[in-house]
Amino acid sequence: MARFSEERRAAIAAWLEANGIDPADVPLHSTIVQDRDAGTIRYTAYIRENGRLLVPSASDPRVIAVDDRYLPLHEEREVPLIAPAPDHFPA
């Protein structure tokens, strides 16, 4: 998996926060889509319960396992676009 520079990660995190999104809730593997025409941002977010990541048990039909590890549950979300992303984030 490609790693972001600290400068790029901080810039993306600041943009997410400017739009009311907690960067800690956005998985690194997710795709974030800014739709300027619709004025929205669509993204994948971890599901939290009582402030903690929700990780299902092996018997839960929603379970996702990779290399014998159960991954936290996630869902697609859409929020209003408050602050458009810059044309380019740092490399």
PDB file of N, CA and C in Angstrom:
ATOM      1  N   MET A   1       0.856  -1.175   0.000  1.00  0.00           N
ATOM      2  CA  MET A   1       0.000   0.000   0.000  1.00  0.00           C
ATOM      3  C   MET A   1       0.901   1.236   0.000  1.00  0.00           C
ATOM      4  N   ALA A   2       0.588   2.164  -0.859  1.00  0.00           N
ATOM      5  CA  ALA A   2       1.374   3.396  -0.938  1.00  0.00           C
ATOM      6  C   ALA A   2       1.209   4.217   0.330  1.00  0.00           C
ATOM      7  N   ARG A   3       2.283   4.838   0.736  1.00  0.00           N
ATOM      8  CA  ARG A   3       2.266   5.695   1.921  1.00  0.00           C
ATOM      9  C   ARG A   3       2.241   7.148   1.474  1.00  0.00           C
ATOM     10  N   PHE A   4       1.482   7.942   2.214  1.00  0.00           N
ATOM     11  CA  PHE A   4       1.448   9.378   1.954  1.00  0.00           C
ATOM     12  C   PHE A   4       2.578  10.045   2.713  1.00  0.00           C
ATOM     13  N   SER A   5       3.087  11.141   2.149  1.00  0.00           N
ATOM     14  CA  SER A   5       4.023  11.943   2.925  1.00  0.00           C
ATOM     15  C   SER A   5       3.244  12.577   4.077  1.00  0.00           C
ATOM     16  N   GLU A   6       3.944  12.976   5.107  1.00  0.00           N
ATOM     17  CA  GLU A   6       3.284  13.619   6.252  1.00  0.00           C
ATOM     18  C   GLU A   6       2.591  14.900   5.801  1.00  0.00           C
ATOM     19  N   GLU A   7       3.207  15.623   4.877  1.00  0.00           N
ATOM     20  CA  GLU A   7       2.625  16.869   4.374  1.00  0.00           C
ATOM     21  C   GLU A   7       1.309  16.598   3.633  1.00  0.00           C
ATOM     22  N   ARG A   8       1.284  15.545   2.824  1.00  0.00           N
ATOM     23  CA  ARG A   8       0.057  15.181   2.090  1.00  0.00           C
ATOM     24  C   ARG A   8      -1.033  14.721   3.051  1.00  0.00           C
ATOM     25  N   ARG A   9      -0.653  13.857   4.010  1.00  0.00           N
ATOM     26  CA  ARG A   9      -1.628  13.362   4.983  1.00  0.00           C
ATOM     27  C   ARG A   9      -2.236  14.510   5.771  1.00  0.00           C
ATOM     28  N   ALA A  10      -1.408  15.451   6.205  1.00  0.00           N
ATOM     29  CA  ALA A  10      -1.898  16.592   6.980  1.00  0.00           C
ATOM     30  C   ALA A  10      -2.815  17.480   6.138  1.00  0.00           C
ATOM     31  N   ALA A  11      -2.498  17.665   4.873  1.00  0.00           N
ATOM     32  CA  ALA A  11      -3.328  18.498   3.998  1.00  0.00           C
ATOM     33  C   ALA A  11      -4.697  17.856   3.759  1.00  0.00           C
ATOM     34  N   ILE A  12      -4.695  16.553   3.521  1.00  0.00           N
ATOM     35  CA  ILE A  12      -5.968  15.852   3.307  1.00  0.00           C
ATOM     36  C   ILE A  12      -6.782  15.861   4.594  1.00  0.00           C
ATOM     37  N   ALA A  13      -6.131  15.620   5.726  1.00  0.00           N
ATOM     38  CA  ALA A  13      -6.831  15.631   7.014  1.00  0.00           C
ATOM     39  C   ALA A  13      -7.442  16.994   7.288  1.00  0.00           C
ATOM     40  N   ALA A  14      -6.715  18.059   6.997  1.00  0.00           N
ATOM     41  CA  ALA A  14      -7.236  19.412   7.213  1.00  0.00           C
ATOM     42  C   ALA A  14      -8.445  19.667   6.323  1.00  0.00           C
ATOM     43  N   TRP A  15      -8.408  19.205   5.083  1.00  0.00           N
ATOM     44  CA  TRP A  15      -9.543  19.388   4.168  1.00  0.00           C
ATOM     45  C   TRP A  15     -10.750  18.596   4.668  1.00  0.00           C
ATOM     46  N   LEU A  16     -10.526  17.348   5.117  1.00  0.00           N
ATOM     47  CA  LEU A  16     -11.640  16.564   5.652  1.00  0.00           C
ATOM     48  C   LEU A  16     -12.269  17.272   6.852  1.00  0.00           C
ATOM     49  N   GLU A  17     -11.421  17.745   7.773  1.00  0.00           N
ATOM     50  CA  GLU A  17     -11.928  18.441   8.959  1.00  0.00           C
ATOM     51  C   GLU A  17     -12.697  19.699   8.588  1.00  0.00           C
ATOM     52  N   ALA A  18     -12.248  20.422   7.572  1.00  0.00           N
ATOM     53  CA  ALA A  18     -12.939  21.632   7.128  1.00  0.00           C
ATOM     54  C   ALA A  18     -14.343  21.311   6.614  1.00  0.00           C
ATOM     55  N   ASN A  19     -14.548  20.043   6.267  1.00  0.00           N
ATOM     56  CA  ASN A  19     -15.856  19.596   5.783  1.00  0.00           C
ATOM     57  C   ASN A  19     -16.615  18.777   6.822  1.00  0.00           C
ATOM     58  N   GLY A  20     -16.165  18.844   8.075  1.00  0.00           N
ATOM     59  CA  GLY A  20     -16.872  18.172   9.156  1.00  0.00           C
ATOM     60  C   GLY A  20     -16.651  16.677   9.224  1.00  0.00           C
ATOM     61  N   ILE A  21     -15.589  16.185   8.595  1.00  0.00           N
ATOM     62  CA  ILE A  21     -15.289  14.756   8.579  1.00  0.00           C
ATOM     63  C   ILE A  21     -14.090  14.504   9.487  1.00  0.00           C
ATOM     64  N   ASP A  22     -14.216  13.535  10.384  1.00  0.00           N
ATOM     65  CA  ASP A  22     -13.101  13.164  11.252  1.00  0.00           C
ATOM     66  C   ASP A  22     -12.149  12.275  10.443  1.00  0.00           C
ATOM     67  N   PRO A  23     -10.922  12.720  10.184  1.00  0.00           N
ATOM     68  CA  PRO A  23      -9.993  11.910   9.387  1.00  0.00           C
ATOM     69  C   PRO A  23      -9.739  10.520   9.974  1.00  0.00           C
ATOM     70  N   ALA A  24      -9.855  10.367  11.279  1.00  0.00           N
ATOM     71  CA  ALA A  24      -9.645   9.058  11.910  1.00  0.00           C
ATOM     72  C   ALA A  24     -10.739   8.066  11.529  1.00  0.00           C
ATOM     73  N   ASP A  25     -11.849   8.563  11.007  1.00  0.00           N
ATOM     74  CA  ASP A  25     -12.952   7.687  10.600  1.00  0.00           C
ATOM     75  C   ASP A  25     -12.841   7.239   9.149  1.00  0.00           C
ATOM     76  N   VAL A  26     -11.861   7.740   8.413  1.00  0.00           N
ATOM     77  CA  VAL A  26     -11.736   7.437   6.984  1.00  0.00           C
ATOM     78  C   VAL A  26     -10.599   6.434   6.789  1.00  0.00           C
ATOM     79  N   PRO A  27     -10.916   5.205   6.352  1.00  0.00           N
ATOM     80  CA  PRO A  27      -9.867   4.207   6.127  1.00  0.00           C
ATOM     81  C   PRO A  27      -8.880   4.665   5.047  1.00  0.00           C
ATOM     82  N   LEU A  28      -7.622   4.282   5.205  1.00  0.00           N
ATOM     83  CA  LEU A  28      -6.605   4.665   4.226  1.00  0.00           C
ATOM     84  C   LEU A  28      -6.920   4.155   2.827  1.00  0.00           C
ATOM     85  N   HIS A  29      -7.572   3.017   2.725  1.00  0.00           N
ATOM     86  CA  HIS A  29      -7.853   2.412   1.421  1.00  0.00           C
ATOM     87  C   HIS A  29      -9.078   3.024   0.724  1.00  0.00           C
ATOM     88  N   SER A  30      -9.765   3.922   1.382  1.00  0.00           N
ATOM     89  CA  SER A  30     -11.025   4.413   0.823  1.00  0.00           C
ATOM     90  C   SER A  30     -10.812   5.448  -0.283  1.00  0.00           C
ATOM     91  N   THR A  31     -11.835   5.594  -1.090  1.00  0.00           N
ATOM     92  CA  THR A  31     -11.856   6.616  -2.127  1.00  0.00           C
ATOM     93  C   THR A  31     -12.762   7.739  -1.654  1.00  0.00           C
ATOM     94  N   ILE A  32     -12.294   8.961  -1.786  1.00  0.00           N
ATOM     95  CA  ILE A  32     -13.070  10.134  -1.396  1.00  0.00           C
ATOM     96  C   ILE A  32     -13.450  10.853  -2.681  1.00  0.00           C
ATOM     97  N   VAL A  33     -14.747  11.091  -2.878  1.00  0.00           N
ATOM     98  CA  VAL A  33     -15.222  11.713  -4.106  1.00  0.00           C
ATOM     99  C   VAL A  33     -15.855  13.062  -3.783  1.00  0.00           C
ATOM    100  N   GLN A  34     -15.282  14.090  -4.348  1.00  0.00           N
ATOM    101  CA  GLN A  34     -15.838  15.436  -4.218  1.00  0.00           C
ATOM    102  C   GLN A  34     -16.671  15.707  -5.471  1.00  0.00           C
ATOM    103  N   ASP A  35     -17.944  15.994  -5.292  1.00  0.00           N
ATOM    104  CA  ASP A  35     -18.829  16.313  -6.416  1.00  0.00           C
ATOM    105  C   ASP A  35     -19.208  17.786  -6.300  1.00  0.00           C
ATOM    106  N   ARG A  36     -18.466  18.624  -6.990  1.00  0.00           N
ATOM    107  CA  ARG A  36     -18.711  20.072  -6.897  1.00  0.00           C
ATOM    108  C   ARG A  36     -20.082  20.446  -7.450  1.00  0.00           C
ATOM    109  N   ASP A  37     -20.537  19.739  -8.485  1.00  0.00           N
ATOM    110  CA  ASP A  37     -21.850  20.052  -9.058  1.00  0.00           C
ATOM    111  C   ASP A  37     -22.972  19.776  -8.061  1.00  0.00           C
ATOM    112  N   ALA A  38     -22.881  18.653  -7.367  1.00  0.00           N
ATOM    113  CA  ALA A  38     -23.907  18.294  -6.382  1.00  0.00           C
ATOM    114  C   ALA A  38     -23.640  18.945  -5.028  1.00  0.00           C
ATOM    115  N   GLY A  39     -22.416  19.457  -4.841  1.00  0.00           N
ATOM    116  CA  GLY A  39     -22.068  20.071  -3.561  1.00  0.00           C
ATOM    117  C   GLY A  39     -21.944  19.062  -2.434  1.00  0.00           C
ATOM    118  N   THR A  40     -21.367  17.886  -2.753  1.00  0.00           N
ATOM    119  CA  THR A  40     -21.251  16.827  -1.752  1.00  0.00           C
ATOM    120  C   THR A  40     -19.869  16.182  -1.775  1.00  0.00           C
ATOM    121  N   ILE A  41     -19.577  15.466  -0.705  1.00  0.00           N
ATOM    122  CA  ILE A  41     -18.408  14.593  -0.617  1.00  0.00           C
ATOM    123  C   ILE A  41     -18.933  13.219  -0.231  1.00  0.00           C
ATOM    124  N   ARG A  42     -18.528  12.189  -0.985  1.00  0.00           N
ATOM    125  CA  ARG A  42     -18.868  10.808  -0.656  1.00  0.00           C
ATOM    126  C   ARG A  42     -17.580  10.114  -0.226  1.00  0.00           C
ATOM    127  N   TYR A  43     -17.673   9.355   0.851  1.00  0.00           N
ATOM    128  CA  TYR A  43     -16.483   8.689   1.371  1.00  0.00           C
ATOM    129  C   TYR A  43     -16.883   7.463   2.180  1.00  0.00           C
ATOM    130  N   THR A  44     -15.921   6.628   2.459  1.00  0.00           N
ATOM    131  CA  THR A  44     -16.116   5.470   3.314  1.00  0.00           C
ATOM    132  C   THR A  44     -15.706   5.855   4.722  1.00  0.00           C
ATOM    133  N   ALA A  45     -16.501   5.448   5.709  1.00  0.00           N
ATOM    134  CA  ALA A  45     -16.193   5.768   7.110  1.00  0.00           C
ATOM    135  C   ALA A  45     -16.326   4.521   7.965  1.00  0.00           C
ATOM    136  N   TYR A  46     -15.417   4.405   8.921  1.00  0.00           N
ATOM    137  CA  TYR A  46     -15.560   3.348   9.913  1.00  0.00           C
ATOM    138  C   TYR A  46     -16.817   3.597  10.737  1.00  0.00           C
ATOM    139  N   ILE A  47     -17.455   2.523  11.170  1.00  0.00           N
ATOM    140  CA  ILE A  47     -18.613   2.611  12.052  1.00  0.00           C
ATOM    141  C   ILE A  47     -18.103   2.504  13.480  1.00  0.00           C
ATOM    142  N   ARG A  48     -18.528   3.441  14.307  1.00  0.00           N
ATOM    143  CA  ARG A  48     -18.119   3.439  15.715  1.00  0.00           C
ATOM    144  C   ARG A  48     -19.338   3.192  16.595  1.00  0.00           C
ATOM    145  N   GLU A  49     -19.078   2.536  17.715  1.00  0.00           N
ATOM    146  CA  GLU A  49     -20.111   2.298  18.716  1.00  0.00           C
ATOM    147  C   GLU A  49     -19.504   2.688  20.062  1.00  0.00           C
ATOM    148  N   ASN A  50     -20.115   3.652  20.733  1.00  0.00           N
ATOM    149  CA  ASN A  50     -19.579   4.172  21.993  1.00  0.00           C
ATOM    150  C   ASN A  50     -18.141   4.658  21.831  1.00  0.00           C
ATOM    151  N   GLY A  51     -17.857   5.273  20.683  1.00  0.00           N
ATOM    152  CA  GLY A  51     -16.547   5.842  20.435  1.00  0.00           C
ATOM    153  C   GLY A  51     -15.488   4.863  19.967  1.00  0.00           C
ATOM    154  N   ARG A  52     -15.821   3.593  19.887  1.00  0.00           N
ATOM    155  CA  ARG A  52     -14.845   2.576  19.499  1.00  0.00           C
ATOM    156  C   ARG A  52     -15.211   1.992  18.142  1.00  0.00           C
ATOM    157  N   LEU A  53     -14.179   1.606  17.377  1.00  0.00           N
ATOM    158  CA  LEU A  53     -14.431   0.962  16.092  1.00  0.00           C
ATOM    159  C   LEU A  53     -15.246  -0.304  16.310  1.00  0.00           C
ATOM    160  N   LEU A  54     -16.226  -0.507  15.464  1.00  0.00           N
ATOM    161  CA  LEU A  54     -17.086  -1.679  15.568  1.00  0.00           C
ATOM    162  C   LEU A  54     -16.477  -2.810  14.740  1.00  0.00           C
ATOM    163  N   VAL A  55     -16.011  -3.840  15.436  1.00  0.00           N
ATOM    164  CA  VAL A  55     -15.436  -5.019  14.785  1.00  0.00           C
ATOM    165  C   VAL A  55     -16.365  -6.186  15.072  1.00  0.00           C
ATOM    166  N   PRO A  56     -16.922  -6.790  14.028  1.00  0.00           N
ATOM    167  CA  PRO A  56     -17.891  -7.860  14.246  1.00  0.00           C
ATOM    168  C   PRO A  56     -17.232  -9.155  14.708  1.00  0.00           C
ATOM    169  N   SER A  57     -18.043 -10.024  15.276  1.00  0.00           N
ATOM    170  CA  SER A  57     -17.580 -11.363  15.653  1.00  0.00           C
ATOM    171  C   SER A  57     -17.609 -12.255  14.415  1.00  0.00           C
ATOM    172  N   ALA A  58     -17.005 -13.409  14.519  1.00  0.00           N
ATOM    173  CA  ALA A  58     -16.943 -14.336  13.385  1.00  0.00           C
ATOM    174  C   ALA A  58     -18.319 -14.756  12.906  1.00  0.00           C
ATOM    175  N   SER A  59     -19.311 -14.763  13.795  1.00  0.00           N
ATOM    176  CA  SER A  59     -20.659 -15.206  13.410  1.00  0.00           C
ATOM    177  C   SER A  59     -21.505 -14.091  12.810  1.00  0.00           C
ATOM    178  N   ASP A  60     -21.012 -12.862  12.845  1.00  0.00           N
ATOM    179  CA  ASP A  60     -21.763 -11.719  12.316  1.00  0.00           C
ATOM    180  C   ASP A  60     -21.742 -11.788  10.788  1.00  0.00           C
ATOM    181  N   PRO A  61     -22.912 -11.704  10.131  1.00  0.00           N
ATOM    182  CA  PRO A  61     -22.933 -11.790   8.667  1.00  0.00           C
ATOM    183  C   PRO A  61     -22.224 -10.616   7.976  1.00  0.00           C
ATOM    184  N   ARG A  62     -21.937  -9.559   8.708  1.00  0.00           N
ATOM    185  CA  ARG A  62     -21.250  -8.402   8.120  1.00  0.00           C
ATOM    186  C   ARG A  62     -19.738  -8.517   8.197  1.00  0.00           C
ATOM    187  N   VAL A  63     -19.232  -9.608   8.749  1.00  0.00           N
ATOM    188  CA  VAL A  63     -17.800  -9.734   8.996  1.00  0.00           C
ATOM    189  C   VAL A  63     -17.006  -9.707   7.694  1.00  0.00           C
ATOM    190  N   ILE A  64     -15.872  -9.036   7.740  1.00  0.00           N
ATOM    191  CA  ILE A  64     -14.910  -9.013   6.646  1.00  0.00           C
ATOM    192  C   ILE A  64     -13.585  -9.450   7.262  1.00  0.00           C
ATOM    193  N   ALA A  65     -13.032 -10.536   6.755  1.00  0.00           N
ATOM    194  CA  ALA A  65     -11.784 -11.052   7.302  1.00  0.00           C
ATOM    195  C   ALA A  65     -10.691 -10.993   6.241  1.00  0.00           C
ATOM    196  N   VAL A  66      -9.513 -10.574   6.669  1.00  0.00           N
ATOM    197  CA  VAL A  66      -8.336 -10.553   5.810  1.00  0.00           C
ATOM    198  C   VAL A  66      -7.195 -11.150   6.627  1.00  0.00           C
ATOM    199  N   ASP A  67      -6.581 -12.185   6.083  1.00  0.00           N
ATOM    200  CA  ASP A  67      -5.471 -12.839   6.784  1.00  0.00           C
ATOM    201  C   ASP A  67      -5.853 -13.187   8.232  1.00  0.00           C
ATOM    202  N   ASP A  68      -7.046 -13.752   8.397  1.00  0.00           N
ATOM    203  CA  ASP A  68      -7.545 -14.175   9.719  1.00  0.00           C
ATOM    204  C   ASP A  68      -7.743 -13.036  10.705  1.00  0.00           C
ATOM    205  N   ARG A  69      -7.824 -11.808  10.215  1.00  0.00           N
ATOM    206  CA  ARG A  69      -8.139 -10.659  11.071  1.00  0.00           C
ATOM    207  C   ARG A  69      -9.491 -10.129  10.639  1.00  0.00           C
ATOM    208  N   TYR A  70     -10.309  -9.754  11.606  1.00  0.00           N
ATOM    209  CA  TYR A  70     -11.601  -9.176  11.301  1.00  0.00           C
ATOM    210  C   TYR A  70     -11.432  -7.668  11.194  1.00  0.00           C
ATOM    211  N   LEU A  71     -11.899  -7.102  10.105  1.00  0.00           N
ATOM    212  CA  LEU A  71     -11.749  -5.671   9.873  1.00  0.00           C
ATOM    213  C   LEU A  71     -12.910  -4.898  10.481  1.00  0.00           C
ATOM    214  N   PRO A  72     -12.652  -3.669  10.917  1.00  0.00           N
ATOM    215  CA  PRO A  72     -13.751  -2.838  11.429  1.00  0.00           C
ATOM    216  C   PRO A  72     -14.807  -2.638  10.339  1.00  0.00           C
ATOM    217  N   LEU A  73     -16.042  -2.554  10.766  1.00  0.00           N
ATOM    218  CA  LEU A  73     -17.126  -2.311   9.812  1.00  0.00           C
ATOM    219  C   LEU A  73     -17.038  -0.880   9.296  1.00  0.00           C
ATOM    220  N   HIS A  74     -17.489  -0.713   8.062  1.00  0.00           N
ATOM    221  CA  HIS A  74     -17.489   0.623   7.469  1.00  0.00           C
ATOM    222  C   HIS A  74     -18.742   0.790   6.621  1.00  0.00           C
ATOM    223  N   GLU A  75     -19.030   2.038   6.288  1.00  0.00           N
ATOM    224  CA  GLU A  75     -20.210   2.361   5.497  1.00  0.00           C
ATOM    225  C   GLU A  75     -19.891   3.543   4.598  1.00  0.00           C
ATOM    226  N   GLU A  76     -20.686   3.713   3.572  1.00  0.00           N
ATOM    227  CA  GLU A  76     -20.548   4.863   2.686  1.00  0.00           C
ATOM    228  C   GLU A  76     -21.347   6.020   3.279  1.00  0.00           C
ATOM    229  N   ARG A  77     -20.756   7.216   3.243  1.00  0.00           N
ATOM    230  CA  ARG A  77     -21.429   8.414   3.750  1.00  0.00           C
ATOM    231  C   ARG A  77     -21.343   9.525   2.726  1.00  0.00           C
ATOM    232  N   GLU A  78     -22.248  10.477   2.879  1.00  0.00           N
ATOM    233  CA  GLU A  78     -22.256  11.660   2.017  1.00  0.00           C
ATOM    234  C   GLU A  78     -22.522  12.873   2.892  1.00  0.00           C
ATOM    235  N   VAL A  79     -21.703  13.906   2.722  1.00  0.00           N
ATOM    236  CA  VAL A  79     -21.858  15.137   3.498  1.00  0.00           C
ATOM    237  C   VAL A  79     -21.830  16.318   2.536  1.00  0.00           C
ATOM    238  N   PRO A  80     -22.364  17.462   2.980  1.00  0.00           N
ATOM    239  CA  PRO A  80     -22.293  18.658   2.148  1.00  0.00           C
ATOM    240  C   PRO A  80     -20.840  19.105   1.963  1.00  0.00           C
ATOM    241  N   LEU A  81     -20.534  19.577   0.781  1.00  0.00           N
ATOM    242  CA  LEU A  81     -19.216  20.138   0.487  1.00  0.00           C
ATOM    243  C   LEU A  81     -19.183  21.565   1.011  1.00  0.00           C
ATOM    244  N   ILE A  82     -18.379  21.796   2.038  1.00  0.00           N
ATOM    245  CA  ILE A  82     -18.261  23.128   2.644  1.00  0.00           C
ATOM    246  C   ILE A  82     -17.043  23.845   2.080  1.00  0.00           C
ATOM    247  N   ALA A  83     -15.919  23.137   2.060  1.00  0.00           N
ATOM    248  CA  ALA A  83     -14.652  23.693   1.583  1.00  0.00           C
ATOM    249  C   ALA A  83     -14.121  22.824   0.460  1.00  0.00           C
ATOM    250  N   PRO A  84     -14.148  23.311  -0.786  1.00  0.00           N
ATOM    251  CA  PRO A  84     -13.638  22.511  -1.892  1.00  0.00           C
ATOM    252  C   PRO A  84     -12.168  22.159  -1.690  1.00  0.00           C
ATOM    253  N   ALA A  85     -11.795  20.990  -2.200  1.00  0.00           N
ATOM    254  CA  ALA A  85     -10.398  20.563  -2.121  1.00  0.00           C
ATOM    255  C   ALA A  85      -9.546  21.454  -3.015  1.00  0.00           C
ATOM    256  N   PRO A  86      -8.277  21.610  -2.671  1.00  0.00           N
ATOM    257  CA  PRO A  86      -7.380  22.343  -3.556  1.00  0.00           C
ATOM    258  C   PRO A  86      -7.218  21.575  -4.872  1.00  0.00           C
ATOM    259  N   ASP A  87      -6.734  22.235  -5.888  1.00  0.00           N
ATOM    260  CA  ASP A  87      -6.521  21.569  -7.166  1.00  0.00           C
ATOM    261  C   ASP A  87      -5.524  20.416  -7.040  1.00  0.00           C
ATOM    262  N   HIS A  88      -4.542  20.559  -6.140  1.00  0.00           N
ATOM    263  CA  HIS A  88      -3.539  19.514  -5.928  1.00  0.00           C
ATOM    264  C   HIS A  88      -3.184  19.459  -4.445  1.00  0.00           C
ATOM    265  N   PHE A  89      -3.057  18.248  -3.932  1.00  0.00           N
ATOM    266  CA  PHE A  89      -2.528  18.054  -2.589  1.00  0.00           C
ATOM    267  C   PHE A  89      -1.028  17.833  -2.729  1.00  0.00           C
ATOM    268  N   PRO A  90      -0.243  18.102  -1.685  1.00  0.00           N
ATOM    269  CA  PRO A  90       1.201  17.848  -1.765  1.00  0.00           C
ATOM    270  C   PRO A  90       1.478  16.388  -2.102  1.00  0.00           C
ATOM    271  N   ALA A  91       2.628  16.126  -2.703  1.00  0.00           N
ATOM    272  CA  ALA A  91       3.006  14.757  -3.092  1.00  0.00           C
ATOM    273  C   ALA A  91       3.353  13.918  -1.886  1.00  0.00           C
TER     274      ALA A  91
END
